[in-house]
Every structure is written in C-alpha cells, then in structure tokens.
PDB file of N, CA and C in Angstrom:
ATOM      1  N   MET A   1     -80.718 209.454 -99.680  1.00  0.00           N
ATOM      2  CA  MET A   1     -81.954 209.270-100.105  1.00  0.00           C
ATOM      3  C   MET A   1     -82.240 209.157-101.314  1.00  0.00           C
ATOM      4  N   ILE A   2     -82.492 208.717-102.405  1.00  0.00           N
ATOM      5  CA  ILE A   2     -83.213 208.770-103.432  1.00  0.00           C
ATOM      6  C   ILE A   2     -84.467 208.969-104.241  1.00  0.00           C
ATOM      7  N   ILE A   3     -84.545 210.088-104.152  1.00  0.00           N
ATOM      8  CA  ILE A   3     -86.744 210.005-104.974  1.00  0.00           C
ATOM      9  C   ILE A   3     -86.357 210.820-105.795  1.00  0.00           C
ATOM     10  N   PRO A   4     -87.719 210.889-106.365  1.00  0.00           N
ATOM     11  CA  PRO A   4     -88.338 211.579-107.556  1.00  0.00           C
ATOM     12  C   PRO A   4     -88.209 212.841-107.286  1.00  0.00           C
ATOM     13  N   LEU A   5     -88.193 213.591-108.522  1.00  0.00           N
ATOM     14  CA  LEU A   5     -88.802 215.394-107.901  1.00  0.00           C
ATOM     15  C   LEU A   5     -89.826 215.500-107.999  1.00  0.00           C
ATOM     16  N   ALA A   6     -90.886 214.939-108.774  1.00  0.00           N
ATOM     17  CA  ALA A   6     -91.587 214.907-107.717  1.00  0.00           C
ATOM     18  C   ALA A   6     -92.408 215.200-106.218  1.00  0.00           C
ATOM     19  N   PHE A   7     -91.626 214.835-105.853  1.00  0.00           N
ATOM     20  CA  PHE A   7     -91.928 214.152-103.972  1.00  0.00           C
ATOM     21  C   PHE A   7     -90.583 215.178-103.533  1.00  0.00           C
ATOM     22  N   ALA A   8     -90.113 216.146-104.299  1.00  0.00           N
ATOM     23  CA  ALA A   8     -88.765 216.824-103.983  1.00  0.00           C
ATOM     24  C   ALA A   8     -88.964 217.492-102.607  1.00  0.00           C
ATOM     25  N   GLU A   9     -88.371 218.306-102.025  1.00  0.00           N
ATOM     26  CA  GLU A   9     -88.570 219.489-101.337  1.00  0.00           C
ATOM     27  C   GLU A   9     -88.789 220.548-102.751  1.00  0.00           C
ATOM     28  N   CYS A  10     -89.536 221.678-101.923  1.00  0.00           N
ATOM     29  CA  CYS A  10     -89.568 223.009-102.804  1.00  0.00           C
ATOM     30  C   CYS A  10     -88.174 223.675-102.178  1.00  0.00           C
ATOM     31  N   ASN A  11     -88.294 225.009-103.144  1.00  0.00           N
ATOM     32  CA  ASN A  11     -87.166 225.917-102.924  1.00  0.00           C
ATOM     33  C   ASN A  11     -85.875 225.831-102.358  1.00  0.00           C
ATOM     34  N   LYS A  12     -85.628 224.271-103.549  1.00  0.00           N
ATOM     35  CA  LYS A  12     -83.898 223.831-102.872  1.00  0.00           C
ATOM     36  C   LYS A  12     -83.441 223.137-104.057  1.00  0.00           C
ATOM     37  N   TYR A  13     -82.307 223.001-103.688  1.00  0.00           N
ATOM     38  CA  TYR A  13     -81.475 222.372-104.962  1.00  0.00           C
ATOM     39  C   TYR A  13     -81.353 221.007-105.256  1.00  0.00           C
ATOM     40  N   HIS A  14     -81.206 220.332-105.950  1.00  0.00           N
ATOM     41  CA  HIS A  14     -81.175 219.374-106.028  1.00  0.00           C
ATOM     42  C   HIS A  14     -80.186 218.569-107.175  1.00  0.00           C
ATOM     43  N   ARG A  15     -79.821 217.245-106.951  1.00  0.00           N
ATOM     44  CA  ARG A  15     -79.070 217.125-107.949  1.00  0.00           C
ATOM     45  C   ARG A  15     -79.155 215.332-108.277  1.00  0.00           C
ATOM     46  N   ILE A  16     -79.227 215.271-110.281  1.00  0.00           N
ATOM     47  CA  ILE A  16     -80.092 213.984-110.800  1.00  0.00           C
ATOM     48  C   ILE A  16     -78.722 213.500-110.777  1.00  0.00           C
ATOM     49  N   LYS A  17     -79.490 212.012-110.109  1.00  0.00           N
ATOM     50  CA  LYS A  17     -78.968 210.980-109.737  1.00  0.00           C
ATOM     51  C   LYS A  17     -79.311 209.800-111.078  1.00  0.00           C
ATOM     52  N   ASN A  18     -80.262 209.542-111.322  1.00  0.00           N
ATOM     53  CA  ASN A  18     -81.074 208.669-112.571  1.00  0.00           C
ATOM     54  C   ASN A  18     -82.014 209.641-113.505  1.00  0.00           C
ATOM     55  N   ILE A  19     -82.059 208.771-114.396  1.00  0.00           N
ATOM     56  CA  ILE A  19     -83.449 209.249-115.035  1.00  0.00           C
ATOM     57  C   ILE A  19     -84.026 208.227-115.511  1.00  0.00           C
ATOM     58  N   ASN A  20     -85.020 207.439-115.693  1.00  0.00           N
ATOM     59  CA  ASN A  20     -85.858 206.515-116.041  1.00  0.00           C
ATOM     60  C   ASN A  20     -86.795 206.478-116.994  1.00  0.00           C
ATOM     61  N   GLY A  21     -87.172 205.865-117.682  1.00  0.00           N
ATOM     62  CA  GLY A  21     -88.777 206.056-118.526  1.00  0.00           C
ATOM     63  C   GLY A  21     -87.812 206.464-120.118  1.00  0.00           C
ATOM     64  N   LYS A  22     -88.546 206.614-120.710  1.00  0.00           N
ATOM     65  CA  LYS A  22     -88.715 206.205-122.286  1.00  0.00           C
ATOM     66  C   LYS A  22     -87.980 208.301-122.223  1.00  0.00           C
ATOM     67  N   ASN A  23     -88.053 208.742-121.940  1.00  0.00           N
ATOM     68  CA  ASN A  23     -87.731 210.531-121.781  1.00  0.00           C
ATOM     69  C   ASN A  23     -86.330 211.377-121.481  1.00  0.00           C
ATOM     70  N   LYS A  24     -85.359 209.773-121.883  1.00  0.00           N
ATOM     71  CA  LYS A  24     -84.072 210.275-121.342  1.00  0.00           C
ATOM     72  C   LYS A  24     -83.677 211.827-122.369  1.00  0.00           C
ATOM     73  N   ASN A  25     -84.413 211.101-124.066  1.00  0.00           N
ATOM     74  CA  ASN A  25     -83.280 212.548-124.692  1.00  0.00           C
ATOM     75  C   ASN A  25     -84.380 213.532-124.902  1.00  0.00           C
ATOM     76  N   ILE A  26     -85.323 213.763-124.408  1.00  0.00           N
ATOM     77  CA  ILE A  26     -85.951 214.915-124.722  1.00  0.00           C
ATOM     78  C   ILE A  26     -85.826 215.553-123.209  1.00  0.00           C
ATOM     79  N   LEU A  27     -85.494 215.329-122.025  1.00  0.00           N
ATOM     80  CA  LEU A  27     -84.752 215.869-121.091  1.00  0.00           C
ATOM     81  C   LEU A  27     -83.608 216.368-120.815  1.00  0.00           C
ATOM     82  N   ALA A  28     -82.403 215.148-121.947  1.00  0.00           N
ATOM     83  CA  ALA A  28     -81.258 215.946-121.694  1.00  0.00           C
ATOM     84  C   ALA A  28     -81.425 217.049-123.025  1.00  0.00           C
ATOM     85  N   GLU A  29     -82.331 217.062-123.857  1.00  0.00           N
ATOM     86  CA  GLU A  29     -81.673 218.449-124.978  1.00  0.00           C
ATOM     87  C   GLU A  29     -81.825 219.602-123.998  1.00  0.00           C
ATOM     88  N   LYS A  30     -83.061 219.216-122.783  1.00  0.00           N
ATOM     89  CA  LYS A  30     -83.361 220.261-122.067  1.00  0.00           C
ATOM     90  C   LYS A  30     -82.027 220.692-120.503  1.00  0.00           C
ATOM     91  N   GLY A  31     -80.969 219.347-120.797  1.00  0.00           N
ATOM     92  CA  GLY A  31     -80.215 220.505-119.873  1.00  0.00           C
ATOM     93  C   GLY A  31     -80.370 219.171-118.529  1.00  0.00           C
ATOM     94  N   PHE A  32     -81.513 218.249-118.557  1.00  0.00           N
ATOM     95  CA  PHE A  32     -81.344 217.240-118.031  1.00  0.00           C
ATOM     96  C   PHE A  32     -80.810 216.342-117.665  1.00  0.00           C
ATOM     97  N   CYS A  33     -79.350 216.257-117.285  1.00  0.00           N
ATOM     98  CA  CYS A  33     -78.803 214.719-117.121  1.00  0.00           C
ATOM     99  C   CYS A  33     -78.268 214.423-115.409  1.00  0.00           C
ATOM    100  N   CYS A  34     -77.318 213.243-115.537  1.00  0.00           N
ATOM    101  CA  CYS A  34     -77.215 212.890-113.817  1.00  0.00           C
ATOM    102  C   CYS A  34     -75.744 213.833-113.855  1.00  0.00           C
ATOM    103  N   GLY A  35     -75.667 214.079-112.279  1.00  0.00           N
ATOM    104  CA  GLY A  35     -74.984 215.364-112.015  1.00  0.00           C
ATOM    105  C   GLY A  35     -75.343 216.694-112.168  1.00  0.00           C
ATOM    106  N   SER A  36     -76.365 217.678-112.682  1.00  0.00           N
ATOM    107  CA  SER A  36     -76.666 218.198-112.942  1.00  0.00           C
ATOM    108  C   SER A  36     -77.385 218.601-111.549  1.00  0.00           C
ATOM    109  N   GLU A  37     -77.203 220.280-111.245  1.00  0.00           N
ATOM    110  CA  GLU A  37     -78.936 220.702-110.327  1.00  0.00           C
ATOM    111  C   GLU A  37     -79.803 220.906-110.713  1.00  0.00           C
ATOM    112  N   VAL A  38     -81.020 220.601-109.281  1.00  0.00           N
ATOM    113  CA  VAL A  38     -81.813 221.161-110.442  1.00  0.00           C
ATOM    114  C   VAL A  38     -82.616 221.918-109.120  1.00  0.00           C
ATOM    115  N   CYS A  39     -84.014 223.189-109.578  1.00  0.00           N
ATOM    116  CA  CYS A  39     -84.909 223.656-107.922  1.00  0.00           C
ATOM    117  C   CYS A  39     -85.899 223.113-108.336  1.00  0.00           C
ATOM    118  N   LEU A  40     -86.260 222.638-108.195  1.00  0.00           N
ATOM    119  CA  LEU A  40     -88.303 222.634-107.603  1.00  0.00           C
ATOM    120  C   LEU A  40     -88.516 223.706-107.123  1.00  0.00           C
ATOM    121  N   LEU A  41     -89.241 224.967-107.761  1.00  0.00           N
ATOM    122  CA  LEU A  41     -89.648 226.085-107.422  1.00  0.00           C
ATOM    123  C   LEU A  41     -91.143 225.846-107.012  1.00  0.00           C
ATOM    124  N   LYS A  42     -92.049 225.247-107.620  1.00  0.00           N
ATOM    125  CA  LYS A  42     -93.537 225.385-107.575  1.00  0.00           C
ATOM    126  C   LYS A  42     -94.076 223.954-107.886  1.00  0.00           C
ATOM    127  N   ASN A  43     -95.026 223.414-107.011  1.00  0.00           N
ATOM    128  CA  ASN A  43     -96.027 223.038-107.603  1.00  0.00           C
ATOM    129  C   ASN A  43     -97.620 222.623-107.529  1.00  0.00           C
ATOM    130  N   LEU A  44     -98.079 222.832-109.176  1.00  0.00           N
ATOM    131  CA  LEU A  44     -99.085 223.574-109.756  1.00  0.00           C
ATOM    132  C   LEU A  44     -99.422 222.722-109.417  1.00  0.00           C
ATOM    133  N   ASP A  45    -100.423 221.363-109.156  1.00  0.00           N
ATOM    134  CA  ASP A  45    -101.727 220.640-109.643  1.00  0.00           C
ATOM    135  C   ASP A  45    -101.238 219.949-110.928  1.00  0.00           C
ATOM    136  N   ASN A  46     -99.641 219.232-110.169  1.00  0.00           N
ATOM    137  CA  ASN A  46     -98.892 218.084-111.092  1.00  0.00           C
ATOM    138  C   ASN A  46     -98.113 218.904-111.931  1.00  0.00           C
ATOM    139  N   ASN A  47     -97.797 220.385-111.727  1.00  0.00           N
ATOM    140  CA  ASN A  47     -96.938 220.703-113.115  1.00  0.00           C
ATOM    141  C   ASN A  47     -96.117 221.403-112.165  1.00  0.00           C
ATOM    142  N   PHE A  48     -94.865 220.609-112.897  1.00  0.00           N
ATOM    143  CA  PHE A  48     -93.790 221.127-111.736  1.00  0.00           C
ATOM    144  C   PHE A  48     -92.788 222.374-112.479  1.00  0.00           C
ATOM    145  N   VAL A  49     -92.967 223.823-111.518  1.00  0.00           N
ATOM    146  CA  VAL A  49     -92.137 224.985-111.972  1.00  0.00           C
ATOM    147  C   VAL A  49     -90.296 224.314-112.171  1.00  0.00           C
ATOM    148  N   VAL A  50     -90.234 224.147-112.531  1.00  0.00           N
ATOM    149  CA  VAL A  50     -88.176 223.791-112.303  1.00  0.00           C
ATOM    150  C   VAL A  50     -87.172 224.867-112.181  1.00  0.00           C
ATOM    151  N   LYS A  51     -85.931 225.205-111.731  1.00  0.00           N
ATOM    152  CA  LYS A  51     -84.447 225.552-112.550  1.00  0.00           C
ATOM    153  C   LYS A  51     -83.715 224.885-112.574  1.00  0.00           C
ATOM    154  N   MET A  52     -83.434 225.438-113.953  1.00  0.00           N
ATOM    155  CA  MET A  52     -81.985 224.260-114.205  1.00  0.00           C
ATOM    156  C   MET A  52     -80.675 225.563-114.993  1.00  0.00           C
ATOM    157  N   GLY A  53     -80.300 226.134-114.029  1.00  0.00           N
ATOM    158  CA  GLY A  53     -78.877 226.907-114.400  1.00  0.00           C
ATOM    159  C   GLY A  53     -80.031 228.659-114.371  1.00  0.00           C
ATOM    160  N   CYS A  54     -80.137 229.124-115.716  1.00  0.00           N
ATOM    161  CA  CYS A  54     -80.344 230.030-115.513  1.00  0.00           C
ATOM    162  C   CYS A  54     -82.002 230.183-116.220  1.00  0.00           C
ATOM    163  N   CYS A  55     -82.229 228.584-116.841  1.00  0.00           N
ATOM    164  CA  CYS A  55     -83.444 228.853-117.423  1.00  0.00           C
ATOM    165  C   CYS A  55     -84.888 228.047-116.303  1.00  0.00           C
ATOM    166  N   GLN A  56     -85.820 228.409-116.794  1.00  0.00           N
ATOM    167  CA  GLN A  56     -87.120 227.876-115.390  1.00  0.00           C
ATOM    168  C   GLN A  56     -87.784 226.839-117.043  1.00  0.00           C
ATOM    169  N   TYR A  57     -88.486 226.091-116.437  1.00  0.00           N
ATOM    170  CA  TYR A  57     -89.075 225.514-117.124  1.00  0.00           C
ATOM    171  C   TYR A  57     -90.772 224.157-116.055  1.00  0.00           C
ATOM    172  N   VAL A  58     -91.754 224.349-117.296  1.00  0.00           N
ATOM    173  CA  VAL A  58     -92.711 223.806-116.281  1.00  0.00           C
ATOM    174  C   VAL A  58     -92.877 222.507-116.858  1.00  0.00           C
ATOM    175  N   ILE A  59     -92.636 221.276-116.232  1.00  0.00           N
ATOM    176  CA  ILE A  59     -92.813 219.881-116.356  1.00  0.00           C
ATOM    177  C   ILE A  59     -93.890 219.251-115.168  1.00  0.00           C
ATOM    178  N   GLY A  60     -94.901 218.337-116.605  1.00  0.00           N
ATOM    179  CA  GLY A  60     -95.950 217.407-116.096  1.00  0.00           C
ATOM    180  C   GLY A  60     -94.973 216.632-114.581  1.00  0.00           C
ATOM    181  N   PHE A  61     -95.598 215.714-114.046  1.00  0.00           N
ATOM    182  CA  PHE A  61     -95.745 214.576-113.067  1.00  0.00           C
ATOM    183  C   PHE A  61     -95.347 213.369-113.841  1.00  0.00           C
ATOM    184  N   GLY A  62     -95.337 213.418-115.726  1.00  0.00           N
ATOM    185  CA  GLY A  62     -94.991 211.859-115.899  1.00  0.00           C
ATOM    186  C   GLY A  62     -93.065 211.970-115.874  1.00  0.00           C
ATOM    187  N   PHE A  63     -92.396 213.314-116.560  1.00  0.00           N
ATOM    188  CA  PHE A  63     -91.795 214.017-116.381  1.00  0.00           C
ATOM    189  C   PHE A  63     -91.127 214.071-115.048  1.00  0.00           C
ATOM    190  N   ALA A  64     -90.842 214.291-113.699  1.00  0.00           N
ATOM    191  CA  ALA A  64     -90.851 214.542-112.411  1.00  0.00           C
ATOM    192  C   ALA A  64     -91.016 213.629-111.719  1.00  0.00           C
ATOM    193  N   LYS A  65     -91.753 212.419-111.982  1.00  0.00           N
ATOM    194  CA  LYS A  65     -91.564 211.210-111.405  1.00  0.00           C
ATOM    195  C   LYS A  65     -90.108 210.255-112.322  1.00  0.00           C
ATOM    196  N   ASP A  66     -89.881 210.140-113.333  1.00  0.00           N
ATOM    197  CA  ASP A  66     -88.685 210.382-114.173  1.00  0.00           C
ATOM    198  C   ASP A  66     -87.126 210.440-113.535  1.00  0.00           C
ATOM    199  N   ILE A  67     -87.202 211.782-113.308  1.00  0.00           N
ATOM    200  CA  ILE A  67     -86.143 212.120-113.003  1.00  0.00           C
ATOM    201  C   ILE A  67     -86.128 211.774-111.338  1.00  0.00           C
ATOM    202  N   MET A  68     -84.698 210.890-111.132  1.00  0.00           N
ATOM    203  CA  MET A  68     -84.778 211.038-109.678  1.00  0.00           C
ATOM    204  C   MET A  68     -83.476 211.242-109.045  1.00  0.00           C
ATOM    205  N   VAL A  69     -83.686 212.039-107.856  1.00  0.00           N
ATOM    206  CA  VAL A  69     -82.481 213.502-107.582  1.00  0.00           C
ATOM    207  C   VAL A  69     -82.221 212.742-105.915  1.00  0.00           C
ATOM    208  N   GLU A  70     -81.420 213.347-105.554  1.00  0.00           N
ATOM    209  CA  GLU A  70     -80.486 212.631-104.278  1.00  0.00           C
ATOM    210  C   GLU A  70     -81.505 214.113-103.425  1.00  0.00           C
ATOM    211  N   ALA A  71     -82.149 213.348-101.833  1.00  0.00           N
ATOM    212  CA  ALA A  71     -82.560 214.240-101.355  1.00  0.00           C
ATOM    213  C   ALA A  71     -81.957 214.752-100.188  1.00  0.00           C
TER     214      ALA A  71
END
C-alpha cells in the first residue's frame, strides 16, 4: 500500500515510491528520490524529522504529503 510520508508509521524505514508536486528537484538535491529508504523519526506539530542515510532533515507537511512511500 502506498501512502504519503506524513501518514506513515514512526521509527520504521519506508521505501520512496513516488514524489508528487513541484518540489521534486528540491527533494532530489537532499537525496529523496524513488527507491531510496527514509525513516520517519518524529512528527512534531506537522513538522517531520526524517532520516536519509546518515543525515536527518526536518520537513514540513507540504513536503511530507508529496513523498509517497510503501507502507
């Protein structure tokens, strides 16, 4: 089942299946691309702490809803 990262389970790795919206280039520069694994660490009032490899990022709901992951 494919769901937005904003609604994914915390502290679990998810594989990115698709990126929607106009932010594809911005997210690709950070390493968010199809096939990559991302871990949602925390949801802090619609700000999401995610881990990509050895880096952690804080992204807003607008970005998180555009990243489609396999649950």
